[in-house]
Amino acid sequence: MSHKYEIILFWSYEDNVFIAEVPELPGCMADGLTYEEAIKNVELVIQEWIETAKELGKLIPEPRGRLQFA
């Protein structure tokens, strides 16, 4: 499933991995040894975040598009 949430992808020198972060979903992030792996992993985490929010009766934010500017 493809989600419409903004994903910020960056290299973590501290962890030696790519980090994919979803600002609209608090705490939603994943990592990977390659940027492709980080994106693949964060897609799974987004789905899990949404499923957990539904189970807990929490509000699921609507994707707003581009939030961050480089």
Protein backbone atom coordinates (compact mmCIF):
# COMPACT_ATOMS: atom_id res chain seq x y z
CA MET A 1 0.00 0.00 0.00
CA SER A 2 1.32 3.41 -0.93
CA HIS A 3 0.74 6.15 1.62
CA LYS A 4 0.60 9.88 0.97
CA TYR A 5 2.43 11.01 4.10
CA GLU A 6 5.60 13.04 3.80
CA ILE A 7 8.70 10.97 4.57
CA ILE A 8 11.97 12.60 5.54
CA LEU A 9 14.96 10.44 4.66
CA PHE A 10 18.43 11.13 6.03
CA TRP A 11 21.70 9.39 6.79
CA SER A 12 22.52 8.87 10.47
CA TYR A 13 26.27 8.91 11.00
CA GLU A 14 25.70 7.90 14.61
CA ASP A 15 23.75 4.74 13.67
CA ASN A 16 25.35 4.19 10.24
CA VAL A 17 21.95 3.73 8.57
CA PHE A 18 19.36 5.70 6.62
CA ILE A 19 16.48 6.95 8.76
CA ALA A 20 12.99 7.45 7.31
CA GLU A 21 10.77 9.64 9.49
CA VAL A 22 7.05 10.48 9.09
CA PRO A 23 6.47 13.88 10.77
CA GLU A 24 2.66 13.67 10.65
CA LEU A 25 2.59 10.39 12.59
CA PRO A 26 4.34 10.96 15.95
CA GLY A 27 7.04 8.39 16.63
CA CYS A 28 6.69 6.81 13.20
CA MET A 29 10.13 6.06 11.77
CA ALA A 30 12.25 3.22 10.45
CA ASP A 31 15.77 2.61 9.29
CA GLY A 32 17.66 0.65 6.67
CA LEU A 33 21.15 0.05 5.33
CA THR A 34 20.04 1.57 2.00
CA TYR A 35 17.52 4.31 1.30
CA GLU A 36 15.34 1.77 -0.51
CA GLU A 37 15.33 -0.46 2.56
CA ALA A 38 14.50 2.46 4.86
CA ILE A 39 11.53 3.46 2.66
CA LYS A 40 10.30 -0.14 2.45
CA ASN A 41 10.56 -0.46 6.23
CA VAL A 42 8.81 2.83 6.95
CA GLU A 43 5.89 1.84 4.67
CA LEU A 44 5.35 -1.17 6.96
CA VAL A 45 5.66 0.98 10.08
CA ILE A 46 3.13 3.50 8.69
CA GLN A 47 0.62 0.68 8.19
CA GLU A 48 1.26 -0.64 11.70
CA TRP A 49 0.94 2.90 13.14
CA ILE A 50 -2.44 3.35 11.43
CA GLU A 51 -3.70 -0.10 12.51
CA THR A 52 -2.67 0.55 16.12
CA ALA A 53 -4.29 3.99 16.12
CA LYS A 54 -7.55 2.46 14.83
CA GLU A 55 -7.47 -0.24 17.53
CA LEU A 56 -6.97 2.42 20.21
CA GLY A 57 -9.63 4.72 18.78
CA LYS A 58 -7.06 7.45 18.08
CA LEU A 59 -7.33 10.09 15.39
CA ILE A 60 -5.41 9.28 12.20
CA PRO A 61 -4.11 12.50 10.62
CA GLU A 62 -4.95 13.14 6.99
CA PRO A 63 -1.83 13.50 4.84
CA ARG A 64 -1.19 17.21 4.23
CA GLY A 65 1.50 16.96 1.60
CA ARG A 66 4.81 18.74 1.78
CA LEU A 67 5.52 19.98 5.29
CA GLN A 68 9.30 20.39 5.36
CA PHE A 69 11.44 22.46 3.07
CA ALA A 70 15.12 21.86 2.38
